N, C-alpha and C. Protein backbone atom coordinates (compact mmCIF):
# COMPACT_ATOMS: atom_id res chain seq x y z
N MET A 1 83.65 124.07 114.79
CA MET A 1 85.07 123.10 115.38
C MET A 1 84.97 122.25 114.52
N THR A 2 85.50 120.96 114.31
CA THR A 2 85.61 119.46 114.49
C THR A 2 85.38 118.62 115.45
N SER A 3 84.90 118.12 115.29
CA SER A 3 84.44 116.84 116.84
C SER A 3 85.89 116.40 117.13
N ARG A 4 87.47 116.17 116.96
CA ARG A 4 88.04 116.42 117.46
C ARG A 4 89.17 117.31 117.70
N GLU A 5 89.14 118.50 117.44
CA GLU A 5 88.85 119.35 117.81
C GLU A 5 87.96 120.06 119.49
N PHE A 6 86.62 120.06 119.11
CA PHE A 6 85.63 120.18 119.88
C PHE A 6 86.18 118.45 121.88
N ASN A 7 86.97 118.01 121.19
CA ASN A 7 87.23 116.44 122.40
C ASN A 7 88.58 117.36 122.94
N GLN A 8 88.97 117.86 122.01
CA GLN A 8 90.96 117.96 122.89
C GLN A 8 90.33 119.32 123.33
N ALA A 9 89.40 119.91 123.19
CA ALA A 9 89.35 121.69 123.09
C ALA A 9 87.82 121.99 123.85
N THR A 10 87.64 121.20 124.85
CA THR A 10 85.96 121.81 125.19
C THR A 10 86.34 122.99 125.47
N GLY A 11 87.54 123.47 126.82
CA GLY A 11 87.00 124.82 127.25
C GLY A 11 87.30 125.98 125.96
N ASP A 12 87.96 125.73 125.10
CA ASP A 12 88.36 126.78 123.89
C ASP A 12 86.96 126.86 123.58
N ALA A 13 85.88 125.38 123.12
CA ALA A 13 84.89 125.96 122.51
C ALA A 13 83.49 125.99 123.27
N LYS A 14 83.49 126.06 125.14
CA LYS A 14 82.96 126.51 125.78
C LYS A 14 83.11 128.67 125.74
N THR A 15 84.09 128.97 125.40
CA THR A 15 84.35 130.15 125.65
C THR A 15 84.46 130.82 124.34
N ALA A 16 84.85 130.07 123.38
CA ALA A 16 83.87 130.56 121.71
C ALA A 16 82.22 130.45 121.71
N ALA A 17 81.90 129.64 122.54
CA ALA A 17 79.97 129.81 122.74
C ALA A 17 79.29 131.00 123.38
N ARG A 18 80.51 132.03 124.37
CA ARG A 18 80.11 132.88 124.95
C ARG A 18 80.05 134.19 123.64
N ARG A 19 80.62 133.87 122.66
CA ARG A 19 80.04 135.06 121.59
C ARG A 19 79.16 134.41 120.50
N GLY A 20 78.78 133.35 120.42
CA GLY A 20 77.96 133.10 119.32
C GLY A 20 77.73 131.44 119.59
N PRO A 21 76.53 130.96 118.62
CA PRO A 21 76.82 129.30 118.69
C PRO A 21 78.35 128.69 118.27
N VAL A 22 78.69 127.70 118.89
CA VAL A 22 79.24 126.61 118.18
C VAL A 22 79.21 125.09 117.87
N PHE A 23 79.62 125.87 115.97
CA PHE A 23 79.26 124.93 115.18
C PHE A 23 80.23 123.04 115.42
N VAL A 24 79.80 122.18 115.79
CA VAL A 24 80.72 120.78 115.31
C VAL A 24 80.73 120.09 114.21
N THR A 25 81.22 120.15 114.20
CA THR A 25 81.49 118.88 112.60
C THR A 25 81.86 117.93 112.96
N ASN A 26 81.44 116.70 111.52
CA ASN A 26 82.08 115.70 112.20
C ASN A 26 81.82 115.32 110.58
N ARG A 27 83.01 115.21 109.95
CA ARG A 27 83.36 115.10 108.84
C ARG A 27 82.79 115.99 107.30
N GLY A 28 83.19 116.98 108.34
CA GLY A 28 83.04 117.96 107.26
C GLY A 28 81.37 118.70 107.67
N GLN A 29 80.77 117.65 108.26
CA GLN A 29 78.98 117.67 108.17
C GLN A 29 78.95 118.61 109.36
N PRO A 30 78.07 119.34 110.01
CA PRO A 30 77.24 119.46 111.22
C PRO A 30 76.74 119.10 111.65
N THR A 31 76.75 118.61 112.24
CA THR A 31 76.66 117.63 113.96
C THR A 31 75.52 117.76 115.07
N HIS A 32 76.49 118.79 115.52
CA HIS A 32 76.07 119.87 117.35
C HIS A 32 75.89 121.13 117.31
N VAL A 33 75.68 121.98 117.79
CA VAL A 33 75.52 123.52 118.33
C VAL A 33 76.07 123.90 119.61
N LEU A 34 76.63 124.45 120.09
CA LEU A 34 77.12 124.27 121.52
C LEU A 34 76.73 126.25 121.34
N LEU A 35 75.11 126.50 123.22
CA LEU A 35 74.90 127.23 123.08
C LEU A 35 75.29 127.87 124.85
N THR A 36 75.64 128.68 125.31
CA THR A 36 75.20 129.18 125.97
C THR A 36 74.39 129.08 126.98
N TYR A 37 73.63 128.54 128.18
CA TYR A 37 72.74 127.98 128.83
C TYR A 37 71.96 129.00 128.79
N GLU A 38 72.56 130.16 129.13
CA GLU A 38 71.65 131.32 128.83
C GLU A 38 70.86 131.85 127.82
N ASN A 39 71.64 131.10 126.25
CA ASN A 39 71.06 132.01 124.63
C ASN A 39 70.19 130.48 124.55
N TYR A 40 70.79 129.12 124.73
CA TYR A 40 69.51 127.95 124.90
C TYR A 40 67.74 128.84 125.55
N ARG A 41 67.96 128.33 127.14
CA ARG A 41 67.02 129.25 126.81
C ARG A 41 66.00 130.13 126.57
N LEU A 42 66.88 131.51 126.07
CA LEU A 42 65.88 132.00 125.58
C LEU A 42 65.25 131.72 123.80
N LEU A 43 66.75 130.23 122.93
CA LEU A 43 65.85 130.40 122.22
C LEU A 43 64.74 128.71 122.42
N ALA A 44 65.20 128.50 123.80
CA ALA A 44 63.52 127.63 124.24
C ALA A 44 62.68 128.16 124.65
N SER A 45 62.16 129.25 125.07
CA SER A 45 61.12 130.11 125.15
C SER A 45 60.00 131.19 123.99
N GLY A 46 61.39 131.29 123.51
CA GLY A 46 60.39 132.41 122.24
C GLY A 46 60.71 133.06 121.86
N SER A 47 61.94 133.33 123.17
CA SER A 47 61.70 134.94 122.56
C SER A 47 62.55 135.08 121.12
N LEU A 48 63.94 134.25 121.30
CA LEU A 48 65.23 134.42 120.34
C LEU A 48 64.26 133.70 119.88
N SER A 49 65.54 133.58 118.12
CA SER A 49 64.97 133.21 117.51
C SER A 49 66.92 132.02 116.98
N LEU A 50 67.00 131.02 116.19
CA LEU A 50 68.43 131.53 115.70
C LEU A 50 69.13 131.92 114.86
N VAL A 51 67.89 132.60 113.46
CA VAL A 51 67.95 133.91 113.00
C VAL A 51 68.50 134.92 114.11
N ASP A 52 67.94 135.52 114.65
CA ASP A 52 67.82 136.33 115.61
C ASP A 52 70.19 136.27 115.76
N LEU A 53 69.60 134.73 116.77
CA LEU A 53 71.61 134.00 117.60
C LEU A 53 72.07 134.65 116.84
N LEU A 54 71.90 134.24 115.39
CA LEU A 54 73.39 134.07 114.43
C LEU A 54 72.81 134.76 113.59
N GLY A 55 72.59 135.71 113.87
CA GLY A 55 72.38 137.31 113.17
C GLY A 55 73.45 138.61 114.42
N ALA A 56 73.73 137.70 115.29
CA ALA A 56 74.20 139.04 116.04
C ALA A 56 75.79 138.23 116.25
N THR A 57 75.77 137.46 115.61
CA THR A 57 77.78 136.55 115.76
C THR A 57 78.19 136.59 114.77
N PRO A 58 79.63 137.57 115.00
CA PRO A 58 80.79 137.45 113.75
C PRO A 58 80.61 136.43 113.25
N GLY A 59 81.04 136.74 112.02
CA GLY A 59 81.62 135.73 111.09
C GLY A 59 80.58 134.46 110.42
N ALA A 60 79.09 134.82 111.26
CA ALA A 60 78.26 134.10 110.78
C ALA A 60 77.34 133.41 109.53
N SER A 61 77.65 134.76 108.97
CA SER A 61 77.60 134.53 107.29
C SER A 61 78.81 133.97 106.49
N GLU A 62 79.84 133.42 107.25
CA GLU A 62 80.76 132.63 106.88
C GLU A 62 80.07 130.71 106.53
N VAL A 63 79.37 130.79 107.92
CA VAL A 63 79.21 129.25 107.86
C VAL A 63 78.30 128.24 107.01
N ASP A 64 78.78 128.14 106.40
CA ASP A 64 77.93 127.15 105.44
C ASP A 64 77.46 126.30 105.87
N LEU A 65 76.13 125.93 105.91
CA LEU A 65 74.86 124.91 106.18
C LEU A 65 74.23 124.53 105.51
N PRO A 66 74.51 123.55 105.19
CA PRO A 66 73.39 122.71 104.19
C PRO A 66 72.99 121.75 103.98
N LEU A 67 71.96 122.45 103.73
CA LEU A 67 70.59 122.05 103.73
C LEU A 67 69.64 121.25 102.52
N PRO A 68 69.79 119.80 103.13
CA PRO A 68 68.68 118.81 101.12
C PRO A 68 67.91 119.76 100.51
N ALA A 69 67.67 119.53 99.76
CA ALA A 69 66.94 120.41 99.01
C ALA A 69 65.09 119.48 99.39
N ARG A 70 63.47 120.47 99.37
CA ARG A 70 62.83 119.45 99.28
C ARG A 70 61.15 119.52 98.54
N ASP A 71 61.98 118.28 98.36
CA ASP A 71 60.20 119.22 96.92
C ASP A 71 59.01 118.44 97.30
N GLU A 72 59.09 117.68 98.47
CA GLU A 72 57.49 116.90 98.80
C GLU A 72 56.76 118.36 99.99
N LEU A 73 55.00 117.70 100.15
CA LEU A 73 54.55 119.00 100.15
C LEU A 73 54.45 118.96 101.97
N ALA A 74 53.96 119.13 102.72
CA ALA A 74 54.23 118.77 104.32
C ALA A 74 52.82 118.81 104.63
N GLN A 75 52.52 116.98 105.15
CA GLN A 75 50.75 116.93 105.41
C GLN A 75 50.58 116.58 106.87
N PRO A 76 49.37 117.21 106.34
CA PRO A 76 48.72 117.32 108.25
C PRO A 76 48.73 115.70 108.88
N ALA A 77 49.13 115.97 109.73
CA ALA A 77 49.04 114.65 110.99
C ALA A 77 48.07 114.39 110.98
N GLN A 78 48.41 112.98 111.59
CA GLN A 78 46.56 112.15 112.42
C GLN A 78 47.45 111.66 113.17
N LEU A 79 46.08 112.17 114.25
CA LEU A 79 46.39 112.12 115.32
C LEU A 79 45.62 111.45 115.88
N GLY A 80 45.76 110.50 116.86
CA GLY A 80 45.20 109.48 117.90
C GLY A 80 44.47 108.11 117.17
């Protein structure tokens, strides 16, 4: 759903979120994901992953989520 659609139909977005994550886009790029509070808590607790949640969502395989390619290696964090 686009940002404009989300702003004009927040109730519809909340209803759709009961069926699975709702991706909000801005100029064709995903910017936000709307989840039910229950699904958010499951994600935050670690008992459910976003992959699990998307796998249970009808039509999730049709979502285009372009991710930039990364070629640099992760560096250890320097704390303190």
